[in-house]
PDB file of N, CA and C in Angstrom:
ATOM      1  N   MET A   1      -9.895 -28.251  42.887  1.00  0.00           N
ATOM      2  CA  MET A   1     -11.227 -28.588  42.438  1.00  0.00           C
ATOM      3  C   MET A   1     -12.042 -29.150  43.616  1.00  0.00           C
ATOM      4  N   ARG A   2     -12.047 -28.425  44.674  1.00  0.00           N
ATOM      5  CA  ARG A   2     -12.729 -28.912  45.866  1.00  0.00           C
ATOM      6  C   ARG A   2     -14.211 -28.574  45.852  1.00  0.00           C
ATOM      7  N   SER A   3     -14.546 -27.545  45.097  1.00  0.00           N
ATOM      8  CA  SER A   3     -15.965 -27.171  45.127  1.00  0.00           C
ATOM      9  C   SER A   3     -16.452 -26.845  43.728  1.00  0.00           C
ATOM     10  N   ILE A   4     -17.713 -26.697  43.614  1.00  0.00           N
ATOM     11  CA  ILE A   4     -18.338 -26.368  42.332  1.00  0.00           C
ATOM     12  C   ILE A   4     -17.974 -24.949  41.906  1.00  0.00           C
ATOM     13  N   ARG A   5     -17.685 -24.097  42.905  1.00  0.00           N
ATOM     14  CA  ARG A   5     -17.323 -22.715  42.609  1.00  0.00           C
ATOM     15  C   ARG A   5     -16.002 -22.655  41.830  1.00  0.00           C
ATOM     16  N   SER A   6     -15.036 -23.440  42.198  1.00  0.00           N
ATOM     17  CA  SER A   6     -13.754 -23.438  41.487  1.00  0.00           C
ATOM     18  C   SER A   6     -13.921 -23.967  40.059  1.00  0.00           C
ATOM     19  N   VAL A   7     -14.810 -24.919  39.861  1.00  0.00           N
ATOM     20  CA  VAL A   7     -15.089 -25.431  38.505  1.00  0.00           C
ATOM     21  C   VAL A   7     -15.739 -24.328  37.674  1.00  0.00           C
ATOM     22  N   LEU A   8     -16.663 -23.581  38.252  1.00  0.00           N
ATOM     23  CA  LEU A   8     -17.310 -22.497  37.519  1.00  0.00           C
ATOM     24  C   LEU A   8     -16.330 -21.377  37.189  1.00  0.00           C
ATOM     25  N   PHE A   9     -15.459 -21.034  38.137  1.00  0.00           N
ATOM     26  CA  PHE A   9     -14.448 -19.996  37.879  1.00  0.00           C
ATOM     27  C   PHE A   9     -13.479 -20.434  36.780  1.00  0.00           C
ATOM     28  N   MET A  10     -13.085 -21.696  36.807  1.00  0.00           N
ATOM     29  CA  MET A  10     -12.190 -22.203  35.784  1.00  0.00           C
ATOM     30  C   MET A  10     -12.873 -22.187  34.418  1.00  0.00           C
ATOM     31  N   THR A  11     -14.121 -22.572  34.363  1.00  0.00           N
ATOM     32  CA  THR A  11     -14.878 -22.549  33.107  1.00  0.00           C
ATOM     33  C   THR A  11     -15.034 -21.115  32.604  1.00  0.00           C
ATOM     34  N   ALA A  12     -15.322 -20.194  33.494  1.00  0.00           N
ATOM     35  CA  ALA A  12     -15.455 -18.788  33.107  1.00  0.00           C
ATOM     36  C   ALA A  12     -14.125 -18.241  32.595  1.00  0.00           C
ATOM     37  N   ALA A  13     -13.022 -18.607  33.223  1.00  0.00           N
ATOM     38  CA  ALA A  13     -11.709 -18.151  32.771  1.00  0.00           C
ATOM     39  C   ALA A  13     -11.375 -18.700  31.390  1.00  0.00           C
ATOM     40  N   ILE A  14     -11.702 -19.940  31.142  1.00  0.00           N
ATOM     41  CA  ILE A  14     -11.469 -20.540  29.824  1.00  0.00           C
ATOM     42  C   ILE A  14     -12.317 -19.856  28.761  1.00  0.00           C
ATOM     43  N   VAL A  15     -13.566 -19.579  29.082  1.00  0.00           N
ATOM     44  CA  VAL A  15     -14.463 -18.907  28.132  1.00  0.00           C
ATOM     45  C   VAL A  15     -13.966 -17.499  27.833  1.00  0.00           C
ATOM     46  N   LEU A  16     -13.541 -16.760  28.870  1.00  0.00           N
ATOM     47  CA  LEU A  16     -13.017 -15.413  28.653  1.00  0.00           C
ATOM     48  C   LEU A  16     -11.729 -15.438  27.842  1.00  0.00           C
ATOM     49  N   SER A  17     -10.881 -16.411  28.099  1.00  0.00           N
ATOM     50  CA  SER A  17      -9.635 -16.533  27.330  1.00  0.00           C
ATOM     51  C   SER A  17      -9.915 -16.826  25.864  1.00  0.00           C
ATOM     52  N   LEU A  18     -10.842 -17.709  25.595  1.00  0.00           N
ATOM     53  CA  LEU A  18     -11.210 -18.023  24.208  1.00  0.00           C
ATOM     54  C   LEU A  18     -11.855 -16.817  23.518  1.00  0.00           C
ATOM     55  N   ALA A  19     -12.673 -16.073  24.254  1.00  0.00           N
ATOM     56  CA  ALA A  19     -13.298 -14.877  23.681  1.00  0.00           C
ATOM     57  C   ALA A  19     -12.232 -13.833  23.340  1.00  0.00           C
ATOM     58  N   ALA A  20     -11.260 -13.663  24.219  1.00  0.00           N
ATOM     59  CA  ALA A  20     -10.172 -12.720  23.949  1.00  0.00           C
ATOM     60  C   ALA A  20      -9.352 -13.176  22.751  1.00  0.00           C
ATOM     61  N   LEU A  21      -9.102 -14.469  22.625  1.00  0.00           N
ATOM     62  CA  LEU A  21      -8.367 -15.013  21.487  1.00  0.00           C
ATOM     63  C   LEU A  21      -9.107 -14.764  20.175  1.00  0.00           C
ATOM     64  N   VAL A  22     -10.409 -15.019  20.165  1.00  0.00           N
ATOM     65  CA  VAL A  22     -11.208 -14.800  18.953  1.00  0.00           C
ATOM     66  C   VAL A  22     -11.244 -13.310  18.601  1.00  0.00           C
ATOM     67  N   PHE A  23     -11.398 -12.454  19.592  1.00  0.00           N
ATOM     68  CA  PHE A  23     -11.424 -11.012  19.340  1.00  0.00           C
ATOM     69  C   PHE A  23     -10.093 -10.527  18.772  1.00  0.00           C
ATOM     70  N   THR A  24      -8.998 -10.979  19.355  1.00  0.00           N
ATOM     71  CA  THR A  24      -7.666 -10.575  18.885  1.00  0.00           C
ATOM     72  C   THR A  24      -7.411 -11.071  17.469  1.00  0.00           C
ATOM     73  N   ALA A  25      -7.793 -12.297  17.182  1.00  0.00           N
ATOM     74  CA  ALA A  25      -7.591 -12.856  15.844  1.00  0.00           C
ATOM     75  C   ALA A  25      -8.432 -12.099  14.809  1.00  0.00           C
ATOM     76  N   SER A  26      -9.655 -11.771  15.148  1.00  0.00           N
ATOM     77  CA  SER A  26     -10.502 -11.049  14.194  1.00  0.00           C
ATOM     78  C   SER A  26      -9.990  -9.625  13.971  1.00  0.00           C
ATOM     79  N   LEU A  27      -9.482  -8.992  15.027  1.00  0.00           N
ATOM     80  CA  LEU A  27      -8.917  -7.656  14.886  1.00  0.00           C
ATOM     81  C   LEU A  27      -7.662  -7.686  14.011  1.00  0.00           C
ATOM     82  N   ALA A  28      -6.812  -8.690  14.205  1.00  0.00           N
ATOM     83  CA  ALA A  28      -5.609  -8.820  13.376  1.00  0.00           C
ATOM     84  C   ALA A  28      -5.977  -9.079  11.926  1.00  0.00           C
ATOM     85  N   LEU A  29      -6.970  -9.886  11.685  1.00  0.00           N
ATOM     86  CA  LEU A  29      -7.417 -10.166  10.320  1.00  0.00           C
ATOM     87  C   LEU A  29      -7.995  -8.918   9.661  1.00  0.00           C
ATOM     88  N   ALA A  30      -8.736  -8.128  10.409  1.00  0.00           N
ATOM     89  CA  ALA A  30      -9.296  -6.888   9.864  1.00  0.00           C
ATOM     90  C   ALA A  30      -8.182  -5.893   9.522  1.00  0.00           C
ATOM     91  N   LEU A  31      -7.194  -5.756  10.385  1.00  0.00           N
ATOM     92  CA  LEU A  31      -6.077  -4.850  10.100  1.00  0.00           C
ATOM     93  C   LEU A  31      -5.267  -5.327   8.896  1.00  0.00           C
ATOM     94  N   ALA A  32      -5.076  -6.626   8.764  1.00  0.00           N
ATOM     95  CA  ALA A  32      -4.365  -7.161   7.600  1.00  0.00           C
ATOM     96  C   ALA A  32      -5.154  -6.890   6.321  1.00  0.00           C
ATOM     97  N   GLY A  33      -6.464  -7.005   6.376  1.00  0.00           N
ATOM     98  CA  GLY A  33      -7.293  -6.708   5.209  1.00  0.00           C
ATOM     99  C   GLY A  33      -7.231  -5.240   4.820  1.00  0.00           C
ATOM    100  N   ILE A  34      -7.243  -4.357   5.802  1.00  0.00           N
ATOM    101  CA  ILE A  34      -7.141  -2.921   5.521  1.00  0.00           C
ATOM    102  C   ILE A  34      -5.782  -2.591   4.917  1.00  0.00           C
ATOM    103  N   ALA A  35      -4.715  -3.175   5.463  1.00  0.00           N
ATOM    104  CA  ALA A  35      -3.379  -2.940   4.922  1.00  0.00           C
ATOM    105  C   ALA A  35      -3.256  -3.462   3.497  1.00  0.00           C
ATOM    106  N   ALA A  36      -3.854  -4.611   3.221  1.00  0.00           N
ATOM    107  CA  ALA A  36      -3.819  -5.171   1.863  1.00  0.00           C
ATOM    108  C   ALA A  36      -4.591  -4.279   0.891  1.00  0.00           C
ATOM    109  N   ALA A  37      -5.741  -3.770   1.312  1.00  0.00           N
ATOM    110  CA  ALA A  37      -6.521  -2.887   0.448  1.00  0.00           C
ATOM    111  C   ALA A  37      -5.765  -1.602   0.139  1.00  0.00           C
ATOM    112  N   ILE A  38      -5.081  -1.045   1.130  1.00  0.00           N
ATOM    113  CA  ILE A  38      -4.298   0.175   0.908  1.00  0.00           C
ATOM    114  C   ILE A  38      -3.126  -0.109  -0.034  1.00  0.00           C
ATOM    115  N   ALA A  39      -2.466  -1.252   0.140  1.00  0.00           N
ATOM    116  CA  ALA A  39      -1.335  -1.603  -0.726  1.00  0.00           C
ATOM    117  C   ALA A  39      -1.787  -1.812  -2.169  1.00  0.00           C
ATOM    118  N   ILE A  40      -2.905  -2.482  -2.362  1.00  0.00           N
ATOM    119  CA  ILE A  40      -3.420  -2.707  -3.715  1.00  0.00           C
ATOM    120  C   ILE A  40      -3.841  -1.384  -4.344  1.00  0.00           C
ATOM    121  N   GLY A  41      -4.503  -0.536  -3.583  1.00  0.00           N
ATOM    122  CA  GLY A  41      -4.895   0.777  -4.099  1.00  0.00           C
ATOM    123  C   GLY A  41      -3.699   1.627  -4.474  1.00  0.00           C
ATOM    124  N   SER A  42      -2.654   1.569  -3.672  1.00  0.00           N
ATOM    125  CA  SER A  42      -1.442   2.321  -3.973  1.00  0.00           C
ATOM    126  C   SER A  42      -0.775   1.802  -5.248  1.00  0.00           C
ATOM    127  N   ALA A  43      -0.746   0.496  -5.420  1.00  0.00           N
ATOM    128  CA  ALA A  43      -0.146  -0.086  -6.621  1.00  0.00           C
ATOM    129  C   ALA A  43      -0.937   0.289  -7.870  1.00  0.00           C
ATOM    130  N   ILE A  44      -2.245   0.282  -7.775  1.00  0.00           N
ATOM    131  CA  ILE A  44      -3.072   0.657  -8.921  1.00  0.00           C
ATOM    132  C   ILE A  44      -2.908   2.141  -9.231  1.00  0.00           C
ATOM    133  N   ALA A  45      -2.849   2.977  -8.214  1.00  0.00           N
ATOM    134  CA  ALA A  45      -2.683   4.416  -8.433  1.00  0.00           C
ATOM    135  C   ALA A  45      -1.328   4.722  -9.065  1.00  0.00           C
ATOM    136  N   ALA A  46      -0.287   4.008  -8.641  1.00  0.00           N
ATOM    137  CA  ALA A  46       1.039   4.227  -9.230  1.00  0.00           C
ATOM    138  C   ALA A  46       1.070   3.782 -10.681  1.00  0.00           C
ATOM    139  N   ARG A  47       0.343   2.733 -10.989  1.00  0.00           N
ATOM    140  CA  ARG A  47       0.309   2.229 -12.365  1.00  0.00           C
ATOM    141  C   ARG A  47      -0.456   3.175 -13.294  1.00  0.00           C
ATOM    142  N   LEU A  48      -1.464   3.847 -12.774  1.00  0.00           N
ATOM    143  CA  LEU A  48      -2.280   4.742 -13.597  1.00  0.00           C
ATOM    144  C   LEU A  48      -1.742   6.162 -13.643  1.00  0.00           C
ATOM    145  N   GLY A  49      -0.626   6.411 -12.957  1.00  0.00           N
ATOM    146  CA  GLY A  49      -0.042   7.754 -12.904  1.00  0.00           C
ATOM    147  C   GLY A  49       0.542   8.177 -14.242  1.00  0.00           C
ATOM    148  N   PRO A  50       0.879   9.455 -14.352  1.00  0.00           N
ATOM    149  CA  PRO A  50       1.434   9.948 -15.614  1.00  0.00           C
ATOM    150  C   PRO A  50       2.831   9.397 -15.859  1.00  0.00           C
ATOM    151  N   ARG A  51       3.104   9.088 -17.119  1.00  0.00           N
ATOM    152  CA  ARG A  51       4.414   8.602 -17.510  1.00  0.00           C
ATOM    153  C   ARG A  51       5.217   9.744 -18.126  1.00  0.00           C
ATOM    154  N   PRO A  52       6.533   9.705 -18.013  1.00  0.00           N
ATOM    155  CA  PRO A  52       7.347  10.746 -18.642  1.00  0.00           C
ATOM    156  C   PRO A  52       7.190  10.705 -20.165  1.00  0.00           C
ATOM    157  N   ARG A  53       7.028  11.861 -20.763  1.00  0.00           N
ATOM    158  CA  ARG A  53       6.875  11.944 -22.212  1.00  0.00           C
ATOM    159  C   ARG A  53       7.982  12.827 -22.770  1.00  0.00           C
ATOM    160  N   PRO A  54       8.634  12.370 -23.813  1.00  0.00           N
ATOM    161  CA  PRO A  54       9.713  13.185 -24.383  1.00  0.00           C
ATOM    162  C   PRO A  54       9.175  14.424 -25.089  1.00  0.00           C
ATOM    163  N   ALA A  55       9.910  15.512 -24.974  1.00  0.00           N
ATOM    164  CA  ALA A  55       9.565  16.746 -25.673  1.00  0.00           C
ATOM    165  C   ALA A  55      10.761  17.141 -26.527  1.00  0.00           C
ATOM    166  N   HIS A  56      10.510  17.681 -27.691  1.00  0.00           N
ATOM    167  CA  HIS A  56      11.580  18.061 -28.614  1.00  0.00           C
ATOM    168  C   HIS A  56      11.443  19.535 -28.950  1.00  0.00           C
ATOM    169  N   THR A  57      12.582  20.136 -29.235  1.00  0.00           N
ATOM    170  CA  THR A  57      12.548  21.535 -29.656  1.00  0.00           C
ATOM    171  C   THR A  57      12.039  21.613 -31.089  1.00  0.00           C
ATOM    172  N   ARG A  58      11.571  22.769 -31.477  1.00  0.00           N
ATOM    173  CA  ARG A  58      11.028  22.925 -32.835  1.00  0.00           C
ATOM    174  C   ARG A  58      12.104  22.763 -33.900  1.00  0.00           C
ATOM    175  N   ALA A  59      13.304  23.261 -33.628  1.00  0.00           N
ATOM    176  CA  ALA A  59      14.385  23.157 -34.616  1.00  0.00           C
ATOM    177  C   ALA A  59      14.768  21.700 -34.831  1.00  0.00           C
ATOM    178  N   ALA A  60      14.777  20.915 -33.769  1.00  0.00           N
ATOM    179  CA  ALA A  60      15.140  19.514 -33.912  1.00  0.00           C
ATOM    180  C   ALA A  60      14.069  18.742 -34.655  1.00  0.00           C
ATOM    181  N   SER A  61      12.814  19.104 -34.439  1.00  0.00           N
ATOM    182  CA  SER A  61      11.749  18.386 -35.136  1.00  0.00           C
ATOM    183  C   SER A  61      11.721  18.752 -36.614  1.00  0.00           C
ATOM    184  N   ALA A  62      12.227  19.924 -36.968  1.00  0.00           N
ATOM    185  CA  ALA A  62      12.293  20.313 -38.371  1.00  0.00           C
ATOM    186  C   ALA A  62      13.522  19.737 -39.053  1.00  0.00           C
ATOM    187  N   GLY A  63      14.473  19.189 -38.295  1.00  0.00           N
ATOM    188  CA  GLY A  63      15.648  18.564 -38.854  1.00  0.00           C
ATOM    189  C   GLY A  63      16.772  19.532 -39.169  1.00  0.00           C
ATOM    190  N   ARG A  64      16.715  20.748 -38.646  1.00  0.00           N
ATOM    191  CA  ARG A  64      17.735  21.749 -38.958  1.00  0.00           C
ATOM    192  C   ARG A  64      18.966  21.638 -38.072  1.00  0.00           C
ATOM    193  N   GLU A  65      18.799  21.248 -36.830  1.00  0.00           N
ATOM    194  CA  GLU A  65      19.916  21.225 -35.895  1.00  0.00           C
ATOM    195  C   GLU A  65      20.006  19.858 -35.225  1.00  0.00           C
ATOM    196  N   ARG A  66      21.040  19.748 -34.407  1.00  0.00           N
ATOM    197  CA  ARG A  66      21.179  18.549 -33.601  1.00  0.00           C
ATOM    198  C   ARG A  66      20.008  18.485 -32.616  1.00  0.00           C
ATOM    199  N   GLU A  67      19.532  17.291 -32.388  1.00  0.00           N
ATOM    200  CA  GLU A  67      18.349  17.124 -31.536  1.00  0.00           C
ATOM    201  C   GLU A  67      18.698  17.333 -30.065  1.00  0.00           C
ATOM    202  N   ILE A  68      17.941  18.181 -29.412  1.00  0.00           N
ATOM    203  CA  ILE A  68      18.074  18.405 -27.979  1.00  0.00           C
ATOM    204  C   ILE A  68      16.882  17.724 -27.326  1.00  0.00           C
ATOM    205  N   ARG A  69      17.190  16.785 -26.437  1.00  0.00           N
ATOM    206  CA  ARG A  69      16.099  16.056 -25.799  1.00  0.00           C
ATOM    207  C   ARG A  69      15.777  16.687 -24.452  1.00  0.00           C
ATOM    208  N   ILE A  70      14.488  16.925 -24.223  1.00  0.00           N
ATOM    209  CA  ILE A  70      14.004  17.510 -22.972  1.00  0.00           C
ATOM    210  C   ILE A  70      12.852  16.641 -22.490  1.00  0.00           C
ATOM    211  N   TRP A  71      12.895  16.208 -21.249  1.00  0.00           N
ATOM    212  CA  TRP A  71      11.775  15.449 -20.717  1.00  0.00           C
ATOM    213  C   TRP A  71      11.677  15.656 -19.222  1.00  0.00           C
ATOM    214  N   ASN A  72      10.514  15.312 -18.711  1.00  0.00           N
ATOM    215  CA  ASN A  72      10.237  15.445 -17.292  1.00  0.00           C
ATOM    216  C   ASN A  72      10.023  14.054 -16.740  1.00  0.00           C
ATOM    217  N   ASP A  73      10.859  13.629 -15.803  1.00  0.00           N
ATOM    218  CA  ASP A  73      10.745  12.288 -15.255  1.00  0.00           C
ATOM    219  C   ASP A  73       9.878  12.250 -13.990  1.00  0.00           C
ATOM    220  N   GLY A  74       9.211  13.312 -13.678  1.00  0.00           N
ATOM    221  CA  GLY A  74       8.369  13.357 -12.492  1.00  0.00           C
ATOM    222  C   GLY A  74       9.069  13.955 -11.299  1.00  0.00           C
ATOM    223  N   ARG A  75      10.402  14.067 -11.353  1.00  0.00           N
ATOM    224  CA  ARG A  75      11.162  14.664 -10.261  1.00  0.00           C
ATOM    225  C   ARG A  75      11.813  15.964 -10.701  1.00  0.00           C
ATOM    226  N   GLY A  76      11.736  16.259 -11.978  1.00  0.00           N
ATOM    227  CA  GLY A  76      12.346  17.484 -12.481  1.00  0.00           C
ATOM    228  C   GLY A  76      12.541  17.379 -13.997  1.00  0.00           C
ATOM    229  N   THR A  77      12.769  18.504 -14.622  1.00  0.00           N
ATOM    230  CA  THR A  77      12.976  18.530 -16.061  1.00  0.00           C
ATOM    231  C   THR A  77      14.432  18.210 -16.379  1.00  0.00           C
ATOM    232  N   ILE A  78      14.632  17.329 -17.359  1.00  0.00           N
ATOM    233  CA  ILE A  78      15.970  16.921 -17.770  1.00  0.00           C
ATOM    234  C   ILE A  78      16.186  17.429 -19.183  1.00  0.00           C
ATOM    235  N   ILE A  79      17.298  18.131 -19.389  1.00  0.00           N
ATOM    236  CA  ILE A  79      17.643  18.674 -20.707  1.00  0.00           C
ATOM    237  C   ILE A  79      18.941  18.005 -21.136  1.00  0.00           C
ATOM    238  N   ASP A  80      18.873  17.242 -22.218  1.00  0.00           N
ATOM    239  CA  ASP A  80      20.032  16.541 -22.740  1.00  0.00           C
ATOM    240  C   ASP A  80      20.533  17.309 -23.952  1.00  0.00           C
ATOM    241  N   LEU A  81      21.671  17.974 -23.809  1.00  0.00           N
ATOM    242  CA  LEU A  81      22.206  18.792 -24.902  1.00  0.00           C
ATOM    243  C   LEU A  81      23.063  17.983 -25.816  1.00  0.00           C
TER     244      LEU A  81
END
């Protein structure tokens, strides 16, 4: 700290460091907000998606034969004989 120039350089370095810190923190906060919005949207979309619905054969619904259960779980059709 022998001259005024070193004091000014030190002050400028501190200001630049603080500016970089604020910029990095705001960028991290923005990315966290975007990730949270995507996660919430994904959860809502999964909740509103189609649910598996059971389907029955006509003979089983008429009560003539043993009931055969058929349903689609979203990954494929399942036939329970």
